[in-house]
Protein backbone atom coordinates (compact mmCIF):
# COMPACT_ATOMS: atom_id res chain seq x y z
CA MET A 1 36.14 -44.14 -12.51
CA SER A 2 37.50 -45.27 -15.88
CA GLU A 3 38.04 -41.71 -17.01
CA PHE A 4 40.51 -41.20 -14.35
CA LEU A 5 42.25 -44.70 -14.58
CA ASN A 6 42.76 -44.37 -18.41
CA ALA A 7 43.70 -40.67 -18.38
CA PRO A 8 46.31 -40.16 -21.04
CA GLU A 9 49.71 -38.69 -20.31
CA SER A 10 50.57 -35.27 -21.47
CA PRO A 11 50.71 -35.34 -25.24
CA ARG A 12 54.03 -33.47 -25.46
CA HIS A 13 55.72 -36.76 -23.97
CA VAL A 14 55.98 -40.47 -24.61
CA PRO A 15 54.29 -42.42 -21.79
CA GLY A 16 56.66 -44.60 -19.83
CA VAL A 17 59.73 -42.78 -20.69
CA SER A 18 61.86 -42.42 -17.56
CA VAL A 19 63.61 -39.01 -16.59
CA ARG A 20 65.83 -40.76 -14.10
CA HIS A 21 69.17 -39.78 -16.35
CA THR A 22 68.15 -36.56 -17.68
CA ARG A 23 69.84 -34.58 -14.85
CA ALA A 24 73.25 -33.24 -14.45
CA LYS A 25 75.23 -34.42 -11.36
CA GLY A 26 73.97 -32.28 -8.32
CA GLU A 27 71.05 -30.96 -10.08
CA PRO A 28 67.66 -31.24 -8.30
CA ARG A 29 65.37 -33.88 -9.58
CA PHE A 30 62.50 -31.31 -10.30
CA PRO A 31 64.00 -27.85 -9.95
CA ASP A 32 60.22 -26.35 -9.75
CA GLY A 33 58.81 -29.58 -8.05
CA PRO A 34 58.69 -31.19 -4.72
CA ARG A 35 61.64 -31.22 -2.51
CA ALA A 36 63.41 -34.49 -1.46
CA ASP A 37 63.14 -33.81 2.27
CA PRO A 38 61.29 -30.53 2.73
CA ALA A 39 61.40 -30.57 6.76
CA GLY A 40 65.05 -31.41 6.65
CA SER A 41 66.45 -31.77 10.39
CA HIS A 42 64.27 -29.21 11.75
CA PHE A 43 62.38 -31.77 13.72
CA GLU A 44 63.15 -34.66 15.83
CA ARG A 45 63.70 -38.02 14.33
CA ARG A 46 60.83 -40.46 15.17
CA ILE A 47 59.54 -43.75 14.18
CA ARG A 48 58.00 -43.11 10.78
CA SER A 49 54.70 -44.74 9.76
CA PHE A 50 55.76 -44.49 6.08
CA GLN A 51 58.67 -45.72 3.93
CA PRO A 52 59.41 -43.42 1.00
CA ARG A 53 59.41 -45.31 -2.32
CA ARG A 54 61.82 -44.38 -5.08
CA SER A 55 60.35 -45.67 -8.25
CA ARG A 56 60.39 -44.38 -11.99
CA VAL A 57 58.68 -41.14 -12.77
CA THR A 58 57.28 -41.05 -16.34
CA ALA A 59 57.79 -38.07 -18.57
CA GLY A 60 54.25 -36.87 -18.20
CA GLN A 61 54.26 -37.23 -14.36
CA ALA A 62 57.68 -35.19 -14.40
CA ASP A 63 56.01 -32.57 -16.77
CA ALA A 64 52.93 -32.22 -14.37
CA LEU A 65 55.39 -31.91 -11.39
CA GLN A 66 57.38 -29.04 -13.07
CA ARG A 67 54.32 -27.25 -14.46
CA LEU A 68 51.82 -27.61 -11.68
CA TRP A 69 53.79 -27.92 -8.43
CA PRO A 70 54.03 -24.19 -7.95
CA LYS A 71 50.35 -23.82 -8.34
CA TRP A 72 48.95 -26.71 -6.58
CA GLY A 73 51.79 -28.45 -4.56
CA LEU A 74 52.86 -27.76 -1.08
CA ASP A 75 56.27 -28.87 0.60
CA ILE A 76 55.55 -29.69 4.32
CA ASP A 77 58.54 -28.04 5.71
CA GLY A 78 56.84 -27.33 9.12
CA GLN A 79 58.09 -23.62 8.84
CA ARG A 80 54.72 -21.85 8.69
CA VAL A 81 50.99 -22.26 9.58
CA LEU A 82 48.83 -22.61 6.49
CA ASP A 83 45.87 -20.39 5.93
CA LEU A 84 43.80 -22.91 4.10
CA GLY A 85 41.36 -20.45 2.66
CA GLU A 86 44.50 -18.86 0.82
CA LEU A 87 45.88 -22.36 -0.17
CA PHE A 88 42.65 -23.09 -1.76
CA GLY A 89 41.36 -19.68 -2.93
CA ASN A 90 38.21 -20.13 -1.14
CA ASP A 91 36.33 -21.03 2.33
CA LYS A 92 34.92 -24.44 1.32
CA PRO A 93 35.53 -27.22 3.83
CA VAL A 94 38.73 -29.07 3.56
CA VAL A 95 39.54 -32.90 4.06
CA LEU A 96 43.04 -34.21 4.81
CA GLU A 97 43.79 -37.34 2.93
CA ILE A 98 46.84 -39.11 4.02
CA GLY A 99 48.39 -41.46 1.50
CA PHE A 100 46.68 -41.33 -2.09
CA GLY A 101 48.75 -43.73 -3.86
CA MET A 102 48.54 -42.78 -7.49
CA GLY A 103 45.88 -40.33 -7.13
CA GLU A 104 42.95 -41.99 -9.11
CA ALA A 105 40.53 -42.27 -6.20
CA THR A 106 41.38 -38.77 -4.91
CA ALA A 107 40.83 -37.37 -8.35
CA GLN A 108 37.36 -39.05 -8.61
CA MET A 109 36.26 -37.83 -5.24
CA ALA A 110 37.25 -34.35 -6.00
CA ALA A 111 35.27 -34.43 -9.43
CA GLU A 112 32.35 -35.83 -7.63
CA ASN A 113 32.32 -33.12 -4.81
CA PRO A 114 33.62 -29.88 -6.21
CA ASP A 115 32.40 -28.10 -3.06
CA LEU A 116 34.88 -29.91 -0.93
CA ASN A 117 38.57 -29.19 -1.01
CA ILE A 118 41.07 -32.01 -0.60
CA LEU A 119 44.46 -31.66 0.79
CA ALA A 120 46.13 -34.88 -0.32
CA VAL A 121 49.54 -36.04 1.25
CA ASP A 122 52.04 -38.47 0.18
CA VAL A 123 55.76 -38.97 -0.22
CA HIS A 124 55.59 -40.97 -3.62
CA THR A 125 56.73 -38.85 -6.33
CA PRO A 126 55.18 -40.82 -9.26
CA GLY A 127 51.97 -40.72 -7.35
CA GLN A 128 52.34 -36.93 -6.84
CA GLY A 129 52.81 -36.24 -10.42
CA ASN A 130 49.98 -38.52 -11.68
CA LEU A 131 47.50 -36.81 -9.35
CA LEU A 132 48.53 -33.34 -10.45
CA ASN A 133 48.26 -34.75 -14.08
CA LEU A 134 44.80 -36.07 -13.47
CA CYS A 135 43.63 -32.81 -11.80
CA ASP A 136 45.09 -30.72 -14.75
CA GLN A 137 43.43 -32.94 -17.50
CA ASN A 138 39.88 -33.18 -15.55
CA GLY A 139 39.88 -29.44 -14.70
CA LEU A 140 40.01 -30.01 -10.87
CA SER A 141 40.84 -27.00 -8.85
CA ASN A 142 39.85 -28.25 -5.34
CA VAL A 143 42.87 -30.57 -4.73
CA ARG A 144 46.21 -29.45 -3.28
CA VAL A 145 49.19 -32.21 -3.22
CA GLY A 146 51.37 -32.07 -0.05
CA ASN A 147 54.67 -33.58 -0.24
CA GLY A 148 56.19 -34.87 3.26
CA ASP A 149 55.31 -36.04 6.69
CA ALA A 150 51.63 -35.54 7.68
CA ILE A 151 52.45 -35.48 11.29
CA ILE A 152 54.56 -32.45 10.80
CA LEU A 153 51.69 -30.94 8.75
CA LEU A 154 49.18 -31.55 11.47
CA ARG A 155 51.29 -30.56 14.33
CA GLU A 156 53.10 -27.63 12.87
CA MET A 157 51.31 -26.29 9.87
CA LEU A 158 47.44 -26.54 10.66
CA THR A 159 45.39 -24.71 13.00
CA PRO A 160 42.94 -25.94 15.52
CA ASP A 161 39.60 -27.11 14.16
CA SER A 162 40.70 -26.29 10.65
CA LEU A 163 39.69 -29.80 9.10
CA ASP A 164 36.44 -31.09 8.24
CA GLY A 165 37.44 -34.54 7.73
CA LEU A 166 40.51 -36.95 7.68
CA ARG A 167 40.98 -39.92 5.32
CA VAL A 168 43.44 -42.67 5.71
CA TYR A 169 42.86 -45.24 2.69
CA PHE A 170 44.78 -48.52 2.70
CA PRO A 171 47.78 -47.27 4.89
CA ASP A 172 50.86 -49.41 5.29
CA PRO A 173 49.62 -52.25 7.53
CA TRP A 174 53.24 -53.00 8.81
CA PRO A 175 52.33 -56.73 9.23
CA LYS A 176 55.21 -57.93 11.23
CA LYS A 177 54.72 -57.46 14.92
CA ARG A 178 57.86 -55.75 15.70
CA HIS A 179 56.85 -53.29 13.19
CA HIS A 180 53.20 -52.47 14.71
CA LYS A 181 54.65 -49.55 16.33
CA ARG A 182 54.79 -47.86 12.94
CA ARG A 183 51.37 -48.00 12.11
CA LEU A 184 49.72 -44.74 11.91
CA ILE A 185 46.36 -45.26 13.54
CA GLN A 186 47.58 -45.15 17.07
CA PRO A 187 46.35 -43.11 20.22
CA GLU A 188 49.07 -40.62 20.01
CA PHE A 189 48.18 -39.90 16.23
CA LEU A 190 44.53 -39.58 17.13
CA ASP A 191 45.22 -37.24 20.13
CA LEU A 192 46.88 -34.92 17.46
CA ALA A 193 44.34 -35.29 14.91
CA ALA A 194 41.50 -34.47 17.20
CA THR A 195 42.96 -31.16 17.76
CA ARG A 196 42.82 -30.24 14.03
CA LEU A 197 39.21 -31.61 13.34
CA ARG A 198 36.23 -29.74 13.77
CA PRO A 199 33.52 -31.33 16.10
CA GLY A 200 31.37 -33.54 13.73
CA ALA A 201 34.26 -34.11 11.37
CA ILE A 202 34.52 -37.59 10.01
CA VAL A 203 37.74 -39.88 10.33
CA HIS A 204 37.37 -42.44 7.59
CA CYS A 205 39.87 -45.25 7.51
CA ALA A 206 39.87 -48.31 5.06
CA THR A 207 42.28 -51.40 5.10
CA ASP A 208 42.42 -54.76 3.58
CA TRP A 209 44.67 -55.97 6.38
CA GLU A 210 42.27 -57.47 8.89
CA PRO A 211 44.28 -57.55 11.88
CA TYR A 212 45.04 -53.72 11.30
CA ALA A 213 41.41 -53.21 10.69
CA GLU A 214 40.68 -54.64 14.22
CA GLN A 215 43.51 -52.51 15.68
CA MET A 216 41.88 -49.46 14.30
CA LEU A 217 38.59 -50.17 15.48
CA GLU A 218 39.63 -50.83 18.92
CA VAL A 219 42.05 -47.73 19.23
CA LEU A 220 39.12 -45.46 17.59
CA THR A 221 36.62 -46.93 19.93
CA ALA A 222 38.65 -46.21 22.86
CA HIS A 223 39.63 -42.69 22.10
CA PRO A 224 37.37 -40.20 24.12
CA ASP A 225 37.31 -37.69 21.19
CA PHE A 226 35.60 -39.94 18.53
CA GLU A 227 32.60 -41.99 18.30
CA ASN A 228 31.53 -44.76 15.73
CA THR A 229 28.91 -43.57 13.37
CA ARG A 230 27.63 -47.51 13.34
CA PRO A 231 25.22 -47.93 16.37
CA ASP A 232 26.52 -51.47 16.49
CA GLY A 233 29.93 -50.21 17.02
CA GLY A 234 31.32 -52.15 14.23
CA PHE A 235 32.65 -51.50 10.68
CA SER A 236 30.89 -49.61 8.11
CA PRO A 237 29.99 -50.67 4.71
CA ARG A 238 31.99 -48.80 1.97
CA PRO A 239 30.29 -45.45 1.58
CA GLY A 240 29.42 -44.53 -2.02
CA PHE A 241 31.82 -41.55 -2.08
CA ARG A 242 34.83 -43.66 -1.88
CA PRO A 243 35.68 -45.24 -5.16
CA LEU A 244 36.61 -48.86 -5.55
CA THR A 245 40.25 -48.61 -6.59
CA ARG A 246 42.08 -51.10 -8.90
CA PHE A 247 44.40 -52.18 -6.00
CA GLU A 248 41.17 -52.82 -3.99
CA GLY A 249 39.49 -54.60 -6.80
CA GLN A 250 42.54 -56.87 -7.15
CA GLY A 251 42.53 -57.54 -3.44
CA LEU A 252 38.72 -58.59 -3.44
CA ASP A 253 39.42 -60.79 -6.25
CA LYS A 254 41.93 -62.50 -4.23
CA GLY A 255 39.35 -63.00 -1.31
CA HIS A 256 40.78 -60.13 0.89
CA VAL A 257 38.17 -58.53 3.13
CA VAL A 258 38.16 -54.66 3.11
CA ASN A 259 36.86 -52.99 6.18
CA ASP A 260 35.81 -49.27 6.22
CA LEU A 261 35.57 -47.23 9.58
CA LEU A 262 33.85 -44.05 10.03
CA PHE A 263 34.01 -42.39 13.35
CA ARG A 264 32.95 -38.94 14.30
CA ARG A 265 34.87 -36.00 16.11
CA VAL A 266 32.68 -35.39 19.24
CA GLN A 267 32.20 -32.13 20.85
CA HIS A 268 35.25 -30.87 22.71
CA ARG A 269 35.33 -31.83 26.26
CA GLU A 270 35.51 -28.46 27.75
CA GLN A 271 32.29 -27.60 25.75
CA GLN A 272 30.71 -30.66 27.04
CA ARG A 273 30.96 -29.67 30.61
CA ARG A 274 29.55 -26.32 30.24
């Protein structure tokens, strides 16, 4: 995936230049880009599984956000139900990816499978800009970048059976015991996700935090709407379509164990009884 890892910044800017101090007081950070809090106070406050990170946005990322957000970006405001065919401009299957980091793996997967649409959601502004930049530079039209809370997206903006897959790669492990309630892969999340996934859709999780991997396996195995694709009921080898990221490679070099889980959405229970 070197063509994505080494993709150059937009030629009209100097890479690494921060745009943090170019705004007038009170001016939006990116007037034509993602909103700071798209859902606002419309929905109840709850324990979040993510923590927004405010880090430097390079000039190239800022340029991509300004140019490409109106075309390929989506603010998750919870105020409308999405027509995914309209969003992507075609009726190809759609996979939801929750948390994509800097977007290199997402861009590579999109390039290698142009017949699959990827709705990639994150709250990290530099990553959003970087993924848009990669899509632009590599001519990828099958990615849409969502900004905001994936729970609101699933609950308020997606229709039943609208997704053909769900990917959660290296989510925050929240290692401290008192923070385990913040982990994304919980029974309540799977209850919601199951309503938006078509029967046969694959939930694919990966983590390098072994205690979280064990919890994921336990929770997914216990859920009646999902079945393990592994006959032995264990972890899966990394499938060829999931690229090895720099972050993952660094972890492997340090002796970390990466576990993949692939579970299938089973037939709806009311259909099973017929």
